[in-house]
Amino acid sequence: MAEAKQVTFSRKAKQLSINCEDRPGTLSRVAKLLGKWDVNIVAMSCAPLGVQGTIHIVVDNLEPAKNVLDREHISYTEQDVLHVEMENLPGSLGGFAEKMAEQNINITTAYGSAVKGCRKATVIFKVSDLDGAARIRY
């Protein structure tokens, strides 16, 4: 079994959460608007709740993203999250999550992605102690 090496990137970030209708085209509209203004979505998650849905995004440039959403009258909220780029190896996520547990940091939400063959995985964590989580090295 391969062993996880270390977190190569860990920082505090802002997540924008957009409450919207759960229907075809909603994600497309938001993503195209941001793309048109050169805002790159570096992580995202969508979840339905009845006829409503929520799009959670972390972007490479927060202020332009907020300006686009404001200009288009798309309401959103901001949350503080931890953006972690870790080795894409078996055990990396478990090891990092264990380090948070050892510091008594609760993970309330997490989502991430890794592409087979790529060396890095990206994970977004909403945690009970963001400052403590941001200090963790693995």
Protein backbone atom coordinates (compact mmCIF):
# COMPACT_ATOMS: atom_id res chain seq x y z
CA MET A 1 0.00 0.00 0.00
CA ALA A 2 1.35 3.42 -0.95
CA GLU A 3 1.86 5.79 1.92
CA ALA A 4 0.69 9.39 1.86
CA LYS A 5 3.58 11.82 1.76
CA GLN A 6 2.38 15.27 2.81
CA VAL A 7 -0.11 18.02 2.18
CA THR A 8 1.39 20.24 -0.47
CA PHE A 9 -1.14 23.04 -0.25
CA SER A 10 -3.49 24.04 2.55
CA ARG A 11 -5.12 27.42 2.96
CA LYS A 12 -8.21 29.15 4.19
CA ALA A 13 -10.65 29.95 1.41
CA LYS A 14 -14.15 31.27 0.90
CA GLN A 15 -16.92 29.06 -0.39
CA LEU A 16 -19.84 30.71 -2.14
CA SER A 17 -23.15 28.91 -1.67
CA ILE A 18 -25.89 29.68 -4.14
CA ASN A 19 -29.44 28.56 -3.35
CA CYS A 20 -31.28 27.91 -6.59
CA GLU A 21 -33.99 25.92 -8.28
CA ASP A 22 -33.19 22.26 -8.86
CA ARG A 23 -33.73 22.24 -12.63
CA PRO A 24 -31.75 21.76 -15.85
CA GLY A 25 -29.46 24.63 -16.80
CA THR A 26 -28.91 26.16 -13.37
CA LEU A 27 -25.29 25.06 -12.98
CA SER A 28 -24.62 25.87 -16.63
CA ARG A 29 -25.86 29.44 -16.18
CA VAL A 30 -23.71 30.11 -13.11
CA ALA A 31 -20.59 28.45 -14.52
CA LYS A 32 -20.87 30.23 -17.89
CA LEU A 33 -21.35 33.61 -16.21
CA LEU A 34 -18.25 33.13 -14.09
CA GLY A 35 -16.25 31.79 -17.03
CA LYS A 36 -17.22 34.76 -19.17
CA TRP A 37 -15.51 37.00 -16.59
CA ASP A 38 -12.42 34.74 -16.32
CA VAL A 39 -13.35 33.37 -12.91
CA ASN A 40 -12.24 29.76 -12.61
CA ILE A 41 -14.16 27.36 -10.37
CA VAL A 42 -11.51 25.28 -8.57
CA ALA A 43 -13.97 23.14 -6.60
CA MET A 44 -17.73 22.69 -6.60
CA SER A 45 -20.52 20.62 -5.21
CA CYS A 46 -24.25 20.59 -5.98
CA ALA A 47 -26.94 19.13 -3.74
CA PRO A 48 -30.73 19.05 -4.14
CA LEU A 49 -33.16 19.60 -1.29
CA GLY A 50 -36.67 19.10 -2.59
CA VAL A 51 -37.34 21.48 -5.47
CA GLN A 52 -34.44 23.69 -4.38
CA GLY A 53 -30.75 23.05 -4.68
CA THR A 54 -27.47 24.50 -3.52
CA ILE A 55 -24.33 25.04 -5.55
CA HIS A 56 -21.16 25.35 -3.44
CA ILE A 57 -18.15 26.79 -5.26
CA VAL A 58 -14.60 27.79 -4.46
CA VAL A 59 -13.10 30.08 -7.08
CA ASP A 60 -9.64 31.30 -7.98
CA ASN A 61 -10.60 34.97 -7.65
CA LEU A 62 -13.29 35.78 -5.10
CA GLU A 63 -14.05 39.47 -5.68
CA PRO A 64 -14.76 39.20 -9.43
CA ALA A 65 -16.96 36.16 -8.72
CA LYS A 66 -18.98 38.11 -6.15
CA ASN A 67 -19.24 41.06 -8.54
CA VAL A 68 -20.63 38.81 -11.31
CA LEU A 69 -23.17 37.20 -8.98
CA ASP A 70 -24.22 40.57 -7.56
CA ARG A 71 -24.56 42.10 -11.03
CA GLU A 72 -26.76 39.18 -12.12
CA HIS A 73 -28.84 39.33 -8.90
CA ILE A 74 -27.82 35.80 -7.94
CA SER A 75 -27.95 35.58 -4.15
CA TYR A 76 -25.22 33.70 -2.31
CA THR A 77 -23.68 33.31 1.11
CA GLU A 78 -20.01 33.03 2.00
CA GLN A 79 -18.50 30.44 4.29
CA ASP A 80 -14.95 29.98 5.50
CA VAL A 81 -13.49 26.66 4.38
CA LEU A 82 -10.14 24.90 4.18
CA HIS A 83 -8.84 24.22 0.67
CA VAL A 84 -6.39 21.31 0.71
CA GLU A 85 -4.37 19.94 -2.16
CA MET A 86 -2.95 16.58 -1.14
CA GLU A 87 -1.12 13.66 -2.67
CA ASN A 88 -3.47 11.51 -4.75
CA LEU A 89 -2.52 8.30 -2.94
CA PRO A 90 -4.45 5.75 -0.91
CA GLY A 91 -4.59 6.91 2.69
CA SER A 92 -3.97 10.64 2.11
CA LEU A 93 -7.51 11.70 2.99
CA GLY A 94 -7.69 9.32 5.95
CA GLY A 95 -4.37 10.54 7.32
CA PHE A 96 -5.30 14.20 7.03
CA ALA A 97 -8.75 13.61 8.57
CA GLU A 98 -7.07 11.69 11.41
CA LYS A 99 -4.80 14.67 12.11
CA MET A 100 -7.89 16.89 12.41
CA ALA A 101 -9.55 14.39 14.75
CA GLU A 102 -6.42 14.34 16.93
CA GLN A 103 -6.80 18.12 17.28
CA ASN A 104 -10.51 17.67 18.12
CA ILE A 105 -11.50 19.41 14.88
CA ASN A 106 -14.85 18.28 13.52
CA ILE A 107 -15.37 18.02 9.76
CA THR A 108 -18.92 19.19 9.09
CA THR A 109 -18.79 19.13 5.28
CA ALA A 110 -16.26 17.87 2.76
CA TYR A 111 -16.08 17.37 -0.97
CA GLY A 112 -13.23 16.76 -3.33
CA SER A 113 -11.91 15.29 -6.50
CA ALA A 114 -8.92 13.53 -7.95
CA VAL A 115 -8.26 12.43 -11.50
CA LYS A 116 -6.80 8.99 -11.99
CA GLY A 117 -3.15 9.32 -12.86
CA CYS A 118 -2.82 12.85 -11.46
CA ARG A 119 -0.49 13.38 -8.55
CA LYS A 120 -2.76 15.75 -6.60
CA ALA A 121 -6.28 15.66 -5.17
CA THR A 122 -8.28 18.70 -4.07
CA VAL A 123 -10.53 18.58 -1.01
CA ILE A 124 -12.65 21.34 0.53
CA PHE A 125 -13.43 21.02 4.25
CA LYS A 126 -15.85 23.00 6.40
CA VAL A 127 -14.56 22.46 9.93
CA SER A 128 -15.21 23.44 13.53
CA ASP A 129 -11.78 25.12 13.91
CA LEU A 130 -10.53 26.64 10.66
CA ASP A 131 -7.40 28.21 12.16
CA GLY A 132 -6.39 24.92 13.79
CA ALA A 133 -7.09 22.95 10.62
CA ALA A 134 -5.05 25.38 8.53
CA ARG A 135 -1.99 24.68 10.73
CA ILE A 136 -2.11 20.91 10.18
CA ARG A 137 0.70 19.44 8.10
CA TYR A 138 0.60 15.88 6.91
